[in-house]
Amino acid sequence: MSRSQRESLWGVGLGLVGAVLGLVLTAAWWQWNTDDSMGFFIREVFWNGGLYQDSIVTVSVLMDVVLFYGLLHFNREAMARGVMVVILAAVPVVIYLQMINLDTA
C-alpha cells in the first residue's frame, strides 16, 4: 500500500470521526436550546424521530466539509480525498432517509 493510499484511508477514518463529532455537536446544541439530554436527542429525535434524520445527518457531515477545507489548506490532498469519500457516501444515506420518511408521512 502506497503512502497516498494510507493517507486516504486515514482520511476516511478522520471523516467518520468528523461526522460523529458533528452529531455530538448537534446533540449538544439541541441540549443547550431545549434542556433535553443528549441521550434523548440521539435516542428519540435521531433514531426514532424519522422526520429529522436526514437533516441531522446533513448537519453532522458539515463538520467534514470543514475538515476537508482544512486538509486542503495544509496540503494534505490524500487525506482530504478520504474525507470527501465520507461526504459523498453520506449523500445516498440522506436520500434513503428522505425516501423512507416520505413513506411514513
C-alpha atoms as a PDB file:
ATOM      1  CA  MET A   1       0.000   0.000   0.000  1.00  0.00           C
ATOM      2  CA  SER A   2       1.424   3.348  -1.006  1.00  0.00           C
ATOM      3  CA  ARG A   3       1.732   6.366   1.254  1.00  0.00           C
ATOM      4  CA  SER A   4      -1.048   8.163  -0.611  1.00  0.00           C
ATOM      5  CA  GLN A   5      -3.399   5.198  -0.171  1.00  0.00           C
ATOM      6  CA  ARG A   6      -2.625   5.022   3.557  1.00  0.00           C
ATOM      7  CA  GLU A   7      -3.301   8.743   3.931  1.00  0.00           C
ATOM      8  CA  SER A   8      -6.582   8.382   2.040  1.00  0.00           C
ATOM      9  CA  LEU A   9      -7.575   5.561   4.395  1.00  0.00           C
ATOM     10  CA  TRP A  10      -6.690   7.761   7.373  1.00  0.00           C
ATOM     11  CA  GLY A  11      -8.810  10.463   5.749  1.00  0.00           C
ATOM     12  CA  VAL A  12     -11.808   8.108   5.641  1.00  0.00           C
ATOM     13  CA  GLY A  13     -11.314   7.401   9.346  1.00  0.00           C
ATOM     14  CA  LEU A  14     -10.970  11.104  10.063  1.00  0.00           C
ATOM     15  CA  GLY A  15     -14.128  11.764   8.054  1.00  0.00           C
ATOM     16  CA  LEU A  16     -16.066   9.211  10.105  1.00  0.00           C
ATOM     17  CA  VAL A  17     -14.786  10.748  13.330  1.00  0.00           C
ATOM     18  CA  GLY A  18     -15.729  14.188  11.994  1.00  0.00           C
ATOM     19  CA  ALA A  19     -19.274  13.038  11.218  1.00  0.00           C
ATOM     20  CA  VAL A  20     -19.669  11.585  14.714  1.00  0.00           C
ATOM     21  CA  LEU A  21     -18.250  14.792  16.194  1.00  0.00           C
ATOM     22  CA  GLY A  22     -20.772  16.738  14.107  1.00  0.00           C
ATOM     23  CA  LEU A  23     -23.557  14.581  15.544  1.00  0.00           C
ATOM     24  CA  VAL A  24     -22.305  15.175  19.089  1.00  0.00           C
ATOM     25  CA  LEU A  25     -22.099  18.934  18.483  1.00  0.00           C
ATOM     26  CA  THR A  26     -25.625  18.915  17.042  1.00  0.00           C
ATOM     27  CA  ALA A  27     -26.857  16.996  20.095  1.00  0.00           C
ATOM     28  CA  ALA A  28     -25.067  19.456  22.391  1.00  0.00           C
ATOM     29  CA  TRP A  29     -26.683  22.375  20.581  1.00  0.00           C
ATOM     30  CA  TRP A  30     -30.081  20.675  20.946  1.00  0.00           C
ATOM     31  CA  GLN A  31     -29.454  20.114  24.660  1.00  0.00           C
ATOM     32  CA  TRP A  32     -28.454  23.722  25.182  1.00  0.00           C
ATOM     33  CA  ASN A  33     -31.571  25.036  23.417  1.00  0.00           C
ATOM     34  CA  THR A  34     -34.193  22.613  24.776  1.00  0.00           C
ATOM     35  CA  ASP A  35     -32.847  21.450  28.156  1.00  0.00           C
ATOM     36  CA  ASP A  36     -33.281  17.831  26.996  1.00  0.00           C
ATOM     37  CA  SER A  37     -30.379  15.433  27.398  1.00  0.00           C
ATOM     38  CA  MET A  38     -28.039  14.491  24.575  1.00  0.00           C
ATOM     39  CA  GLY A  39     -29.187  10.896  25.062  1.00  0.00           C
ATOM     40  CA  PHE A  40     -32.777  11.989  24.452  1.00  0.00           C
ATOM     41  CA  PHE A  41     -31.704  13.703  21.247  1.00  0.00           C
ATOM     42  CA  ILE A  42     -29.824  10.663  19.950  1.00  0.00           C
ATOM     43  CA  ARG A  43     -32.490   8.159  21.013  1.00  0.00           C
ATOM     44  CA  GLU A  44     -35.767   9.962  20.349  1.00  0.00           C
ATOM     45  CA  VAL A  45     -35.022  12.640  17.756  1.00  0.00           C
ATOM     46  CA  PHE A  46     -32.356  10.892  15.670  1.00  0.00           C
ATOM     47  CA  TRP A  47     -33.111   7.154  15.932  1.00  0.00           C
ATOM     48  CA  ASN A  48     -36.867   7.235  16.449  1.00  0.00           C
ATOM     49  CA  GLY A  49     -37.811  10.646  15.058  1.00  0.00           C
ATOM     50  CA  GLY A  50     -37.785   9.885  11.348  1.00  0.00           C
ATOM     51  CA  LEU A  51     -38.768  13.371  10.282  1.00  0.00           C
ATOM     52  CA  TYR A  52     -35.391  14.921  11.127  1.00  0.00           C
ATOM     53  CA  GLN A  53     -32.961  12.059  10.441  1.00  0.00           C
ATOM     54  CA  ASP A  54     -31.867  13.294   7.024  1.00  0.00           C
ATOM     55  CA  SER A  55     -31.325  16.831   8.306  1.00  0.00           C
ATOM     56  CA  ILE A  56     -29.305  15.604  11.276  1.00  0.00           C
ATOM     57  CA  VAL A  57     -27.042  13.524   9.013  1.00  0.00           C
ATOM     58  CA  THR A  58     -26.595  16.523   6.710  1.00  0.00           C
ATOM     59  CA  VAL A  59     -25.654  18.847   9.571  1.00  0.00           C
ATOM     60  CA  SER A  60     -23.326  16.229  11.059  1.00  0.00           C
ATOM     61  CA  VAL A  61     -21.439  15.875   7.794  1.00  0.00           C
ATOM     62  CA  LEU A  62     -20.872  19.642   7.649  1.00  0.00           C
ATOM     63  CA  MET A  63     -18.020  19.059  10.117  1.00  0.00           C
ATOM     64  CA  ASP A  64     -16.361  17.014   7.371  1.00  0.00           C
ATOM     65  CA  VAL A  65     -16.607  19.953   4.989  1.00  0.00           C
ATOM     66  CA  VAL A  66     -14.593  21.989   7.500  1.00  0.00           C
ATOM     67  CA  LEU A  67     -12.071  19.129   7.823  1.00  0.00           C
ATOM     68  CA  PHE A  68     -11.835  18.864   4.041  1.00  0.00           C
ATOM     69  CA  TYR A  69     -11.101  22.563   3.684  1.00  0.00           C
ATOM     70  CA  GLY A  70      -8.527  22.453   6.480  1.00  0.00           C
ATOM     71  CA  LEU A  71      -6.724  19.461   4.978  1.00  0.00           C
ATOM     72  CA  LEU A  72      -6.568  21.143   1.580  1.00  0.00           C
ATOM     73  CA  HIS A  73      -5.263  24.313   3.206  1.00  0.00           C
ATOM     74  CA  PHE A  74      -2.412  22.309   4.779  1.00  0.00           C
ATOM     75  CA  ASN A  75      -1.657  20.476   1.500  1.00  0.00           C
ATOM     76  CA  ARG A  76      -2.913  17.079   2.702  1.00  0.00           C
ATOM     77  CA  GLU A  77      -4.728  16.192  -0.509  1.00  0.00           C
ATOM     78  CA  ALA A  78      -4.740  12.422   0.059  1.00  0.00           C
ATOM     79  CA  MET A  79      -6.367  12.766   3.474  1.00  0.00           C
ATOM     80  CA  ALA A  80      -8.816  15.297   2.063  1.00  0.00           C
ATOM     81  CA  ARG A  81      -9.724  12.715  -0.581  1.00  0.00           C
ATOM     82  CA  GLY A  82     -10.605  10.246   2.183  1.00  0.00           C
ATOM     83  CA  VAL A  83     -12.771  12.811   3.946  1.00  0.00           C
ATOM     84  CA  MET A  84     -14.504  13.508   0.625  1.00  0.00           C
ATOM     85  CA  VAL A  85     -15.330   9.797   0.351  1.00  0.00           C
ATOM     86  CA  VAL A  86     -17.265  10.053   3.629  1.00  0.00           C
ATOM     87  CA  ILE A  87     -19.036  13.217   2.461  1.00  0.00           C
ATOM     88  CA  LEU A  88     -20.052  11.562  -0.805  1.00  0.00           C
ATOM     89  CA  ALA A  89     -21.125   8.373   0.991  1.00  0.00           C
ATOM     90  CA  ALA A  90     -23.468  10.456   3.147  1.00  0.00           C
ATOM     91  CA  VAL A  91     -25.424  11.642   0.094  1.00  0.00           C
ATOM     92  CA  PRO A  92     -27.152   8.303  -0.641  1.00  0.00           C
ATOM     93  CA  VAL A  93     -27.785   7.878   3.096  1.00  0.00           C
ATOM     94  CA  VAL A  94     -29.588  11.231   3.196  1.00  0.00           C
ATOM     95  CA  ILE A  95     -31.570  10.378   0.064  1.00  0.00           C
ATOM     96  CA  TYR A  96     -32.550   6.999   1.535  1.00  0.00           C
ATOM     97  CA  LEU A  97     -33.653   8.609   4.808  1.00  0.00           C
ATOM     98  CA  GLN A  98     -35.742  11.116   2.862  1.00  0.00           C
ATOM     99  CA  MET A  99     -37.382   8.314   0.881  1.00  0.00           C
ATOM    100  CA  ILE A 100     -38.322   6.203   3.894  1.00  0.00           C
ATOM    101  CA  ASN A 101     -39.579   9.227   5.807  1.00  0.00           C
ATOM    102  CA  LEU A 102     -41.809  10.289   2.904  1.00  0.00           C
ATOM    103  CA  ASP A 103     -43.485   6.876   3.045  1.00  0.00           C
ATOM    104  CA  THR A 104     -44.372   7.295   6.717  1.00  0.00           C
ATOM    105  CA  ALA A 105     -45.545  10.909   6.405  1.00  0.00           C
END
